[in-house]
PDB file of N, CA and C in Angstrom:
ATOM      1  N   MET A   1       6.463 -22.478  -0.699  1.00  0.00           N
ATOM      2  CA  MET A   1       5.160 -22.016  -0.212  1.00  0.00           C
ATOM      3  C   MET A   1       5.763 -20.253   0.022  1.00  0.00           C
ATOM      4  N   ILE A   2       4.871 -19.427  -0.627  1.00  0.00           N
ATOM      5  CA  ILE A   2       4.862 -18.086  -0.393  1.00  0.00           C
ATOM      6  C   ILE A   2       4.350 -17.575   0.805  1.00  0.00           C
ATOM      7  N   SER A   3       5.141 -16.910   1.728  1.00  0.00           N
ATOM      8  CA  SER A   3       4.578 -16.160   2.794  1.00  0.00           C
ATOM      9  C   SER A   3       4.174 -14.620   2.480  1.00  0.00           C
ATOM     10  N   TYR A   4       2.916 -14.329   2.938  1.00  0.00           N
ATOM     11  CA  TYR A   4       2.565 -12.988   2.653  1.00  0.00           C
ATOM     12  C   TYR A   4       1.488 -12.543   3.446  1.00  0.00           C
ATOM     13  N   ALA A   5       0.981 -11.285   3.385  1.00  0.00           N
ATOM     14  CA  ALA A   5      -0.059 -10.621   4.110  1.00  0.00           C
ATOM     15  C   ALA A   5      -0.806  -9.734   3.350  1.00  0.00           C
ATOM     16  N   ILE A   6      -2.077  -9.568   3.562  1.00  0.00           N
ATOM     17  CA  ILE A   6      -2.935  -8.657   2.791  1.00  0.00           C
ATOM     18  C   ILE A   6      -3.261  -7.524   3.981  1.00  0.00           C
ATOM     19  N   VAL A   7      -2.929  -6.359   3.498  1.00  0.00           N
ATOM     20  CA  VAL A   7      -3.116  -5.166   4.456  1.00  0.00           C
ATOM     21  C   VAL A   7      -3.875  -4.235   3.782  1.00  0.00           C
ATOM     22  N   GLU A   8      -4.473  -3.332   4.640  1.00  0.00           N
ATOM     23  CA  GLU A   8      -5.284  -2.059   3.879  1.00  0.00           C
ATOM     24  C   GLU A   8      -4.391  -0.918   4.321  1.00  0.00           C
ATOM     25  N   ALA A   9      -4.042  -0.083   3.229  1.00  0.00           N
ATOM     26  CA  ALA A   9      -3.306   1.113   3.502  1.00  0.00           C
ATOM     27  C   ALA A   9      -3.711   2.143   2.454  1.00  0.00           C
ATOM     28  N   SER A  10      -3.960   3.139   2.580  1.00  0.00           N
ATOM     29  CA  SER A  10      -4.125   4.353   1.781  1.00  0.00           C
ATOM     30  C   SER A  10      -5.392   3.992   1.098  1.00  0.00           C
ATOM     31  N   GLY A  11      -6.197   3.548   1.633  1.00  0.00           N
ATOM     32  CA  GLY A  11      -7.541   3.042   1.110  1.00  0.00           C
ATOM     33  C   GLY A  11      -7.857   1.983   0.092  1.00  0.00           C
ATOM     34  N   LYS A  12      -6.645   1.094   0.124  1.00  0.00           N
ATOM     35  CA  LYS A  12      -6.959   0.114  -0.790  1.00  0.00           C
ATOM     36  C   LYS A  12      -6.081  -1.252  -0.201  1.00  0.00           C
ATOM     37  N   GLN A  13      -6.333  -2.364  -0.422  1.00  0.00           N
ATOM     38  CA  GLN A  13      -5.785  -3.561  -0.067  1.00  0.00           C
ATOM     39  C   GLN A  13      -4.715  -4.045  -0.958  1.00  0.00           C
ATOM     40  N   PHE A  14      -3.359  -4.347  -0.294  1.00  0.00           N
ATOM     41  CA  PHE A  14      -2.379  -4.787  -0.796  1.00  0.00           C
ATOM     42  C   PHE A  14      -1.927  -6.179  -0.447  1.00  0.00           C
ATOM     43  N   TRP A  15      -1.412  -6.855  -1.498  1.00  0.00           N
ATOM     44  CA  TRP A  15      -0.863  -8.359  -1.085  1.00  0.00           C
ATOM     45  C   TRP A  15       0.621  -8.007  -0.981  1.00  0.00           C
ATOM     46  N   ILE A  16       1.276  -7.884   0.179  1.00  0.00           N
ATOM     47  CA  ILE A  16       2.610  -7.681   0.350  1.00  0.00           C
ATOM     48  C   ILE A  16       3.419  -9.006   0.767  1.00  0.00           C
ATOM     49  N   GLU A  17       4.653  -8.873   0.524  1.00  0.00           N
ATOM     50  CA  GLU A  17       5.645  -9.806   0.876  1.00  0.00           C
ATOM     51  C   GLU A  17       6.750  -9.072   1.300  1.00  0.00           C
ATOM     52  N   PRO A  18       7.437  -9.597   2.320  1.00  0.00           N
ATOM     53  CA  PRO A  18       8.692  -8.953   2.836  1.00  0.00           C
ATOM     54  C   PRO A  18       9.928  -9.067   1.754  1.00  0.00           C
ATOM     55  N   GLY A  19      10.551  -7.861   2.041  1.00  0.00           N
ATOM     56  CA  GLY A  19      11.591  -7.516   0.886  1.00  0.00           C
ATOM     57  C   GLY A  19      11.302  -7.062  -0.384  1.00  0.00           C
ATOM     58  N   LYS A  20      10.029  -6.577  -0.633  1.00  0.00           N
ATOM     59  CA  LYS A  20       9.510  -6.007  -2.040  1.00  0.00           C
ATOM     60  C   LYS A  20       9.067  -4.457  -1.535  1.00  0.00           C
ATOM     61  N   PHE A  21       8.948  -3.892  -2.678  1.00  0.00           N
ATOM     62  CA  PHE A  21       8.509  -2.413  -2.279  1.00  0.00           C
ATOM     63  C   PHE A  21       7.114  -2.175  -3.024  1.00  0.00           C
ATOM     64  N   TYR A  22       6.436  -1.334  -2.664  1.00  0.00           N
ATOM     65  CA  TYR A  22       4.912  -1.026  -2.903  1.00  0.00           C
ATOM     66  C   TYR A  22       4.932   0.539  -2.928  1.00  0.00           C
ATOM     67  N   ASP A  23       3.853   1.197  -3.760  1.00  0.00           N
ATOM     68  CA  ASP A  23       3.670   2.500  -3.897  1.00  0.00           C
ATOM     69  C   ASP A  23       2.160   2.908  -3.327  1.00  0.00           C
ATOM     70  N   PHE A  24       2.199   3.625  -2.214  1.00  0.00           N
ATOM     71  CA  PHE A  24       1.006   3.821  -1.443  1.00  0.00           C
ATOM     72  C   PHE A  24       0.825   5.562  -1.955  1.00  0.00           C
ATOM     73  N   ASN A  25      -0.597   5.705  -1.455  1.00  0.00           N
ATOM     74  CA  ASN A  25      -0.652   7.355  -1.705  1.00  0.00           C
ATOM     75  C   ASN A  25       0.310   7.979  -0.701  1.00  0.00           C
ATOM     76  N   TYR A  26       0.520   9.270  -1.033  1.00  0.00           N
ATOM     77  CA  TYR A  26       1.337  10.098  -0.289  1.00  0.00           C
ATOM     78  C   TYR A  26       1.301  10.098   1.027  1.00  0.00           C
ATOM     79  N   ILE A  27       2.547   9.709   1.953  1.00  0.00           N
ATOM     80  CA  ILE A  27       2.439   9.730   3.321  1.00  0.00           C
ATOM     81  C   ILE A  27       3.612  10.750   3.654  1.00  0.00           C
ATOM     82  N   ASP A  28       3.158  11.701   4.586  1.00  0.00           N
ATOM     83  CA  ASP A  28       4.054  12.965   4.812  1.00  0.00           C
ATOM     84  C   ASP A  28       5.179  12.531   5.818  1.00  0.00           C
ATOM     85  N   LEU A  29       5.986  11.689   5.503  1.00  0.00           N
ATOM     86  CA  LEU A  29       7.138  11.405   6.274  1.00  0.00           C
ATOM     87  C   LEU A  29       8.348  11.497   5.401  1.00  0.00           C
ATOM     88  N   ASN A  30       9.604  11.377   5.920  1.00  0.00           N
ATOM     89  CA  ASN A  30      10.956  11.470   5.415  1.00  0.00           C
ATOM     90  C   ASN A  30      11.281  10.125   4.723  1.00  0.00           C
ATOM     91  N   PRO A  31      12.166  10.165   3.780  1.00  0.00           N
ATOM     92  CA  PRO A  31      12.630   8.824   3.430  1.00  0.00           C
ATOM     93  C   PRO A  31      13.537   8.267   4.633  1.00  0.00           C
ATOM     94  N   GLY A  32      13.406   7.006   4.933  1.00  0.00           N
ATOM     95  CA  GLY A  32      14.257   6.250   6.071  1.00  0.00           C
ATOM     96  C   GLY A  32      13.570   6.042   7.339  1.00  0.00           C
ATOM     97  N   ASP A  33      12.228   6.754   7.412  1.00  0.00           N
ATOM     98  CA  ASP A  33      11.579   6.662   8.315  1.00  0.00           C
ATOM     99  C   ASP A  33      10.792   5.272   8.586  1.00  0.00           C
ATOM    100  N   LYS A  34      10.576   4.737   9.550  1.00  0.00           N
ATOM    101  CA  LYS A  34       9.916   3.448   9.679  1.00  0.00           C
ATOM    102  C   LYS A  34       8.494   3.686   9.985  1.00  0.00           C
ATOM    103  N   ILE A  35       7.611   2.932   9.503  1.00  0.00           N
ATOM    104  CA  ILE A  35       5.984   2.903   9.792  1.00  0.00           C
ATOM    105  C   ILE A  35       5.670   1.556   9.899  1.00  0.00           C
ATOM    106  N   SER A  36       4.628   1.538  10.636  1.00  0.00           N
ATOM    107  CA  SER A  36       3.960   0.208  10.897  1.00  0.00           C
ATOM    108  C   SER A  36       2.514   0.084  10.472  1.00  0.00           C
ATOM    109  N   LEU A  37       2.118  -0.682   9.688  1.00  0.00           N
ATOM    110  CA  LEU A  37       0.615  -1.066   9.125  1.00  0.00           C
ATOM    111  C   LEU A  37       0.123  -1.979  10.077  1.00  0.00           C
ATOM    112  N   LEU A  38      -0.914  -1.434  10.644  1.00  0.00           N
ATOM    113  CA  LEU A  38      -1.630  -2.193  11.784  1.00  0.00           C
ATOM    114  C   LEU A  38      -3.032  -2.808  11.164  1.00  0.00           C
ATOM    115  N   ARG A  39      -3.599  -2.366   9.965  1.00  0.00           N
ATOM    116  CA  ARG A  39      -4.630  -3.105   9.436  1.00  0.00           C
ATOM    117  C   ARG A  39      -4.462  -4.320   8.544  1.00  0.00           C
ATOM    118  N   VAL A  40      -3.827  -5.367   9.409  1.00  0.00           N
ATOM    119  CA  VAL A  40      -3.664  -6.492   8.617  1.00  0.00           C
ATOM    120  C   VAL A  40      -4.894  -7.426   8.466  1.00  0.00           C
ATOM    121  N   LEU A  41      -5.258  -7.695   7.308  1.00  0.00           N
ATOM    122  CA  LEU A  41      -6.398  -8.571   7.021  1.00  0.00           C
ATOM    123  C   LEU A  41      -6.329 -10.072   7.084  1.00  0.00           C
ATOM    124  N   LEU A  42      -5.168 -10.516   6.673  1.00  0.00           N
ATOM    125  CA  LEU A  42      -4.962 -11.763   6.323  1.00  0.00           C
ATOM    126  C   LEU A  42      -3.314 -12.158   6.398  1.00  0.00           C
ATOM    127  N   VAL A  43      -2.926 -13.227   7.088  1.00  0.00           N
ATOM    128  CA  VAL A  43      -1.472 -13.766   7.203  1.00  0.00           C
ATOM    129  C   VAL A  43      -1.511 -15.021   6.614  1.00  0.00           C
ATOM    130  N   ASN A  44      -0.615 -15.410   5.611  1.00  0.00           N
ATOM    131  CA  ASN A  44      -0.242 -16.623   5.309  1.00  0.00           C
ATOM    132  C   ASN A  44       1.240 -17.181   5.681  1.00  0.00           C
ATOM    133  N   ASP A  45       1.435 -17.743   6.760  1.00  0.00           N
ATOM    134  CA  ASP A  45       2.929 -17.893   7.017  1.00  0.00           C
ATOM    135  C   ASP A  45       3.347 -19.554   6.545  1.00  0.00           C
ATOM    136  N   LYS A  46       3.564 -19.644   5.314  1.00  0.00           N
ATOM    137  CA  LYS A  46       4.029 -21.058   4.920  1.00  0.00           C
ATOM    138  C   LYS A  46       2.873 -22.019   5.015  1.00  0.00           C
ATOM    139  N   GLY A  47       1.728 -21.584   4.389  1.00  0.00           N
ATOM    140  CA  GLY A  47       0.512 -22.578   4.439  1.00  0.00           C
ATOM    141  C   GLY A  47      -0.351 -22.301   5.427  1.00  0.00           C
ATOM    142  N   ASN A  48       0.189 -21.807   6.634  1.00  0.00           N
ATOM    143  CA  ASN A  48      -0.694 -21.520   7.943  1.00  0.00           C
ATOM    144  C   ASN A  48      -1.404 -20.253   7.718  1.00  0.00           C
ATOM    145  N   VAL A  49      -2.670 -20.070   7.483  1.00  0.00           N
ATOM    146  CA  VAL A  49      -3.517 -18.999   6.907  1.00  0.00           C
ATOM    147  C   VAL A  49      -4.166 -18.414   8.137  1.00  0.00           C
ATOM    148  N   ILE A  50      -4.170 -17.225   8.714  1.00  0.00           N
ATOM    149  CA  ILE A  50      -5.069 -16.522   9.516  1.00  0.00           C
ATOM    150  C   ILE A  50      -5.759 -15.391   9.094  1.00  0.00           C
ATOM    151  N   VAL A  51      -6.818 -15.535   9.278  1.00  0.00           N
ATOM    152  CA  VAL A  51      -7.922 -14.498   8.666  1.00  0.00           C
ATOM    153  C   VAL A  51      -8.522 -13.769   9.761  1.00  0.00           C
ATOM    154  N   GLY A  52      -8.379 -12.267   9.616  1.00  0.00           N
ATOM    155  CA  GLY A  52      -9.119 -11.325  10.777  1.00  0.00           C
ATOM    156  C   GLY A  52     -10.767 -11.305  10.484  1.00  0.00           C
ATOM    157  N   LYS A  53     -11.288 -10.574  11.476  1.00  0.00           N
ATOM    158  CA  LYS A  53     -12.698 -10.420  11.306  1.00  0.00           C
ATOM    159  C   LYS A  53     -12.858  -9.030  11.818  1.00  0.00           C
ATOM    160  N   PRO A  54     -12.630  -7.604  11.159  1.00  0.00           N
ATOM    161  CA  PRO A  54     -12.165  -7.853   9.860  1.00  0.00           C
ATOM    162  C   PRO A  54     -10.605  -7.580   9.797  1.00  0.00           C
ATOM    163  N   CYS A  55     -10.090  -7.348  11.126  1.00  0.00           N
ATOM    164  CA  CYS A  55      -8.661  -7.058  11.168  1.00  0.00           C
ATOM    165  C   CYS A  55      -7.885  -7.962  12.048  1.00  0.00           C
ATOM    166  N   LEU A  56      -6.720  -8.614  11.990  1.00  0.00           N
ATOM    167  CA  LEU A  56      -6.186  -9.351  12.994  1.00  0.00           C
ATOM    168  C   LEU A  56      -5.520  -8.431  14.256  1.00  0.00           C
ATOM    169  N   GLU A  57      -5.631  -9.155  15.482  1.00  0.00           N
ATOM    170  CA  GLU A  57      -5.245  -8.237  16.540  1.00  0.00           C
ATOM    171  C   GLU A  57      -3.672  -8.738  16.889  1.00  0.00           C
ATOM    172  N   ASN A  58      -2.934  -7.904  17.124  1.00  0.00           N
ATOM    173  CA  ASN A  58      -1.593  -8.036  17.738  1.00  0.00           C
ATOM    174  C   ASN A  58      -0.663  -8.470  16.439  1.00  0.00           C
ATOM    175  N   VAL A  59      -1.200  -8.104  15.086  1.00  0.00           N
ATOM    176  CA  VAL A  59      -0.204  -8.296  14.021  1.00  0.00           C
ATOM    177  C   VAL A  59      -0.092  -7.091  13.302  1.00  0.00           C
ATOM    178  N   SER A  60       1.339  -6.911  13.089  1.00  0.00           N
ATOM    179  CA  SER A  60       1.748  -5.514  12.278  1.00  0.00           C
ATOM    180  C   SER A  60       2.832  -5.913  11.230  1.00  0.00           C
ATOM    181  N   VAL A  61       2.734  -4.844  10.243  1.00  0.00           N
ATOM    182  CA  VAL A  61       3.585  -4.988   9.137  1.00  0.00           C
ATOM    183  C   VAL A  61       4.794  -3.797   9.413  1.00  0.00           C
ATOM    184  N   GLU A  62       5.934  -3.948   9.621  1.00  0.00           N
ATOM    185  CA  GLU A  62       6.922  -3.097   9.562  1.00  0.00           C
ATOM    186  C   GLU A  62       7.462  -2.578   8.348  1.00  0.00           C
ATOM    187  N   ALA A  63       7.764  -1.608   7.903  1.00  0.00           N
ATOM    188  CA  ALA A  63       7.935  -0.919   6.957  1.00  0.00           C
ATOM    189  C   ALA A  63       9.043   0.378   6.865  1.00  0.00           C
ATOM    190  N   THR A  64       9.758   0.610   5.655  1.00  0.00           N
ATOM    191  CA  THR A  64      10.618   1.890   5.682  1.00  0.00           C
ATOM    192  C   THR A  64      10.209   2.524   4.596  1.00  0.00           C
ATOM    193  N   ILE A  65      10.153   3.986   4.521  1.00  0.00           N
ATOM    194  CA  ILE A  65      10.007   4.764   3.386  1.00  0.00           C
ATOM    195  C   ILE A  65      11.117   5.062   2.674  1.00  0.00           C
ATOM    196  N   LEU A  66      11.080   4.425   1.237  1.00  0.00           N
ATOM    197  CA  LEU A  66      12.241   4.781   0.489  1.00  0.00           C
ATOM    198  C   LEU A  66      12.320   6.075  -0.016  1.00  0.00           C
ATOM    199  N   GLY A  67      11.010   6.690  -0.486  1.00  0.00           N
ATOM    200  CA  GLY A  67      11.083   7.939  -1.207  1.00  0.00           C
ATOM    201  C   GLY A  67       9.886   8.338  -1.759  1.00  0.00           C
ATOM    202  N   HIS A  68       9.760   9.442  -2.433  1.00  0.00           N
ATOM    203  CA  HIS A  68       8.240  10.001  -2.884  1.00  0.00           C
ATOM    204  C   HIS A  68       8.718  10.101  -4.422  1.00  0.00           C
ATOM    205  N   LEU A  69       7.494   9.856  -5.103  1.00  0.00           N
ATOM    206  CA  LEU A  69       7.532  10.011  -6.591  1.00  0.00           C
ATOM    207  C   LEU A  69       6.110  10.402  -7.090  1.00  0.00           C
ATOM    208  N   ARG A  70       6.112  10.456  -8.400  1.00  0.00           N
ATOM    209  CA  ARG A  70       4.984  10.791  -9.057  1.00  0.00           C
ATOM    210  C   ARG A  70       4.340   9.770  -9.979  1.00  0.00           C
ATOM    211  N   ASP A  71       2.956   9.498 -10.061  1.00  0.00           N
ATOM    212  CA  ASP A  71       2.475   8.438 -10.778  1.00  0.00           C
ATOM    213  C   ASP A  71       2.485   8.795 -12.068  1.00  0.00           C
ATOM    214  N   LYS A  72       2.330   7.842 -13.202  1.00  0.00           N
ATOM    215  CA  LYS A  72       2.430   8.150 -14.506  1.00  0.00           C
ATOM    216  C   LYS A  72       0.823   9.015 -14.677  1.00  0.00           C
ATOM    217  N   LYS A  73       0.882   9.862 -15.834  1.00  0.00           N
ATOM    218  CA  LYS A  73      -0.058  10.901 -15.992  1.00  0.00           C
ATOM    219  C   LYS A  73      -1.340  10.369 -16.715  1.00  0.00           C
ATOM    220  N   ILE A  74      -2.395  10.632 -16.264  1.00  0.00           N
ATOM    221  CA  ILE A  74      -3.683  10.386 -16.805  1.00  0.00           C
ATOM    222  C   ILE A  74      -4.465  11.450 -17.347  1.00  0.00           C
ATOM    223  N   ILE A  75      -4.965  11.223 -18.295  1.00  0.00           N
ATOM    224  CA  ILE A  75      -5.705  12.465 -19.215  1.00  0.00           C
ATOM    225  C   ILE A  75      -7.167  12.198 -18.750  1.00  0.00           C
ATOM    226  N   VAL A  76      -7.801  13.355 -18.276  1.00  0.00           N
ATOM    227  CA  VAL A  76      -9.264  13.643 -17.964  1.00  0.00           C
ATOM    228  C   VAL A  76      -9.756  14.652 -19.302  1.00  0.00           C
ATOM    229  N   TYR A  77     -10.679  13.916 -20.038  1.00  0.00           N
ATOM    230  CA  TYR A  77     -11.111  14.696 -21.136  1.00  0.00           C
ATOM    231  C   TYR A  77     -12.647  14.739 -21.106  1.00  0.00           C
ATOM    232  N   LYS A  78     -13.249  16.077 -20.975  1.00  0.00           N
ATOM    233  CA  LYS A  78     -14.739  16.304 -20.999  1.00  0.00           C
ATOM    234  C   LYS A  78     -14.997  16.995 -22.071  1.00  0.00           C
ATOM    235  N   MET A  79     -16.092  16.426 -22.685  1.00  0.00           N
ATOM    236  CA  MET A  79     -16.805  16.967 -23.856  1.00  0.00           C
ATOM    237  C   MET A  79     -18.214  17.008 -23.935  1.00  0.00           C
ATOM    238  N   ARG A  80     -19.090  17.989 -24.092  1.00  0.00           N
ATOM    239  CA  ARG A  80     -20.364  18.158 -24.360  1.00  0.00           C
ATOM    240  C   ARG A  80     -20.669  18.064 -25.836  1.00  0.00           C
ATOM    241  N   PRO A  81     -21.437  16.967 -26.225  1.00  0.00           N
ATOM    242  CA  PRO A  81     -21.531  17.058 -27.631  1.00  0.00           C
ATOM    243  C   PRO A  81     -22.594  18.020 -28.070  1.00  0.00           C
ATOM    244  N   LYS A  82     -22.270  18.758 -29.379  1.00  0.00           N
ATOM    245  CA  LYS A  82     -23.341  19.739 -29.878  1.00  0.00           C
ATOM    246  C   LYS A  82     -23.023  21.005 -29.151  1.00  0.00           C
ATOM    247  N   LYS A  83     -22.117  21.180 -28.354  1.00  0.00           N
ATOM    248  CA  LYS A  83     -21.899  22.587 -27.748  1.00  0.00           C
ATOM    249  C   LYS A  83     -20.618  23.203 -27.690  1.00  0.00           C
ATOM    250  N   LYS A  84     -19.807  22.438 -28.442  1.00  0.00           N
ATOM    251  CA  LYS A  84     -18.535  22.938 -28.897  1.00  0.00           C
ATOM    252  C   LYS A  84     -17.677  23.312 -27.514  1.00  0.00           C
ATOM    253  N   THR A  85     -17.908  22.413 -26.532  1.00  0.00           N
ATOM    254  CA  THR A  85     -17.300  22.566 -25.399  1.00  0.00           C
ATOM    255  C   THR A  85     -16.324  21.416 -24.912  1.00  0.00           C
ATOM    256  N   ARG A  86     -15.071  21.601 -24.973  1.00  0.00           N
ATOM    257  CA  ARG A  86     -13.955  20.842 -24.676  1.00  0.00           C
ATOM    258  C   ARG A  86     -13.025  20.992 -23.657  1.00  0.00           C
ATOM    259  N   LYS A  87     -12.678  20.085 -22.657  1.00  0.00           N
ATOM    260  CA  LYS A  87     -11.875  20.570 -21.837  1.00  0.00           C
ATOM    261  C   LYS A  87     -10.753  19.322 -21.538  1.00  0.00           C
ATOM    262  N   LYS A  88      -9.479  19.417 -21.603  1.00  0.00           N
ATOM    263  CA  LYS A  88      -8.723  18.286 -21.474  1.00  0.00           C
ATOM    264  C   LYS A  88      -7.795  18.645 -20.286  1.00  0.00           C
ATOM    265  N   GLN A  89      -7.498  17.864 -19.451  1.00  0.00           N
ATOM    266  CA  GLN A  89      -6.512  18.128 -18.047  1.00  0.00           C
ATOM    267  C   GLN A  89      -5.854  16.749 -17.984  1.00  0.00           C
ATOM    268  N   GLY A  90      -4.674  17.112 -17.598  1.00  0.00           N
ATOM    269  CA  GLY A  90      -3.867  15.782 -17.217  1.00  0.00           C
ATOM    270  C   GLY A  90      -3.726  15.938 -15.549  1.00  0.00           C
ATOM    271  N   HIS A  91      -3.501  14.822 -15.066  1.00  0.00           N
ATOM    272  CA  HIS A  91      -3.248  14.542 -13.578  1.00  0.00           C
ATOM    273  C   HIS A  91      -2.094  13.583 -13.092  1.00  0.00           C
ATOM    274  N   ARG A  92      -1.522  13.732 -12.292  1.00  0.00           N
ATOM    275  CA  ARG A  92      -0.431  13.077 -11.704  1.00  0.00           C
ATOM    276  C   ARG A  92      -0.373  12.899 -10.175  1.00  0.00           C
ATOM    277  N   SER A  93      -0.781  11.630  -9.658  1.00  0.00           N
ATOM    278  CA  SER A  93      -0.772  11.665  -8.263  1.00  0.00           C
ATOM    279  C   SER A  93       0.555  11.622  -7.574  1.00  0.00           C
ATOM    280  N   ASN A  94       0.640  11.969  -6.352  1.00  0.00           N
ATOM    281  CA  ASN A  94       1.775  11.848  -5.478  1.00  0.00           C
ATOM    282  C   ASN A  94       1.838  10.470  -4.816  1.00  0.00           C
ATOM    283  N   LEU A  95       2.940  10.024  -4.752  1.00  0.00           N
ATOM    284  CA  LEU A  95       3.084   8.321  -4.403  1.00  0.00           C
ATOM    285  C   LEU A  95       4.251   8.467  -3.291  1.00  0.00           C
ATOM    286  N   THR A  96       4.268   7.402  -2.401  1.00  0.00           N
ATOM    287  CA  THR A  96       5.358   7.045  -1.502  1.00  0.00           C
ATOM    288  C   THR A  96       5.726   5.687  -1.602  1.00  0.00           C
ATOM    289  N   ARG A  97       7.044   5.467  -1.936  1.00  0.00           N
ATOM    290  CA  ARG A  97       7.637   4.137  -2.191  1.00  0.00           C
ATOM    291  C   ARG A  97       8.152   3.376  -0.810  1.00  0.00           C
ATOM    292  N   VAL A  98       7.562   2.280  -0.529  1.00  0.00           N
ATOM    293  CA  VAL A  98       7.723   1.691   0.639  1.00  0.00           C
ATOM    294  C   VAL A  98       8.161   0.382   0.500  1.00  0.00           C
ATOM    295  N   ILE A  99       9.212  -0.074   1.413  1.00  0.00           N
ATOM    296  CA  ILE A  99       9.604  -1.301   1.391  1.00  0.00           C
ATOM    297  C   ILE A  99       9.243  -2.100   2.512  1.00  0.00           C
ATOM    298  N   ILE A 100       9.084  -3.378   2.532  1.00  0.00           N
ATOM    299  CA  ILE A 100       8.293  -3.932   3.655  1.00  0.00           C
ATOM    300  C   ILE A 100       9.419  -4.813   4.197  1.00  0.00           C
ATOM    301  N   ASP A 101       9.685  -4.510   5.554  1.00  0.00           N
ATOM    302  CA  ASP A 101      10.682  -5.009   6.331  1.00  0.00           C
ATOM    303  C   ASP A 101      10.456  -6.510   6.934  1.00  0.00           C
ATOM    304  N   SER A 102       9.203  -6.765   7.504  1.00  0.00           N
ATOM    305  CA  SER A 102       8.881  -7.943   8.392  1.00  0.00           C
ATOM    306  C   SER A 102       7.576  -7.995   8.710  1.00  0.00           C
ATOM    307  N   ILE A 103       7.041  -9.018   9.075  1.00  0.00           N
ATOM    308  CA  ILE A 103       5.714  -9.167   9.454  1.00  0.00           C
ATOM    309  C   ILE A 103       5.603  -9.766  10.824  1.00  0.00           C
ATOM    310  N   ARG A 104       5.135  -8.876  11.597  1.00  0.00           N
ATOM    311  CA  ARG A 104       5.170  -9.312  13.241  1.00  0.00           C
ATOM    312  C   ARG A 104       3.957  -9.560  13.823  1.00  0.00           C
ATOM    313  N   MET A 105       3.957 -10.888  14.741  1.00  0.00           N
ATOM    314  CA  MET A 105       2.886 -11.317  15.409  1.00  0.00           C
ATOM    315  C   MET A 105       3.208 -11.200  16.852  1.00  0.00           C
ATOM    316  N   GLU A 106       2.524 -10.569  17.806  1.00  0.00           N
ATOM    317  CA  GLU A 106       2.863 -10.480  19.230  1.00  0.00           C
ATOM    318  C   GLU A 106       4.161 -10.271  19.704  1.00  0.00           C
ATOM    319  N   GLY A 107       5.035  -9.541  18.854  1.00  0.00           N
ATOM    320  CA  GLY A 107       6.352  -9.161  19.187  1.00  0.00           C
ATOM    321  C   GLY A 107       7.364 -10.137  18.326  1.00  0.00           C
ATOM    322  N   THR A 108       6.934 -11.488  17.936  1.00  0.00           N
ATOM    323  CA  THR A 108       7.896 -12.217  17.151  1.00  0.00           C
ATOM    324  C   THR A 108       7.781 -12.048  15.722  1.00  0.00           C
ATOM    325  N   ILE A 109       8.790 -12.274  14.934  1.00  0.00           N
ATOM    326  CA  ILE A 109       8.791 -11.894  13.513  1.00  0.00           C
ATOM    327  C   ILE A 109       8.352 -13.367  12.882  1.00  0.00           C
ATOM    328  N   LEU A 110       7.010 -13.180  12.164  1.00  0.00           N
ATOM    329  CA  LEU A 110       6.581 -14.375  11.373  1.00  0.00           C
ATOM    330  C   LEU A 110       7.440 -14.625  10.332  1.00  0.00           C
ATOM    331  N   ILE A 111       7.385 -13.551   9.312  1.00  0.00           N
ATOM    332  CA  ILE A 111       8.057 -13.656   8.050  1.00  0.00           C
ATOM    333  C   ILE A 111       9.226 -12.776   7.795  1.00  0.00           C
TER     334      ILE A 111
END
């Protein structure tokens, strides 16, 4: 059985598991800093599923910031037909890589 949690962070929902890393939108903290994600929507602890309405009370996810990186480049291309107007831009988002340490419920470590 897989133990996991679904959290809301940086405007998105992530299926997270302890020991894995995830890329969130840029968080202005230093590598090595600890953060706590409080918007936990669902926890599955070896088949025991707990669903929040919308969030779970007294459940948090502890994580450590590994570092900052840039996302792959996306191309934004705008063209107006029959006007000879073309505009090509590239964009790379700033990301923060985070590793999940544990999922806690009321002070006890679930996973």
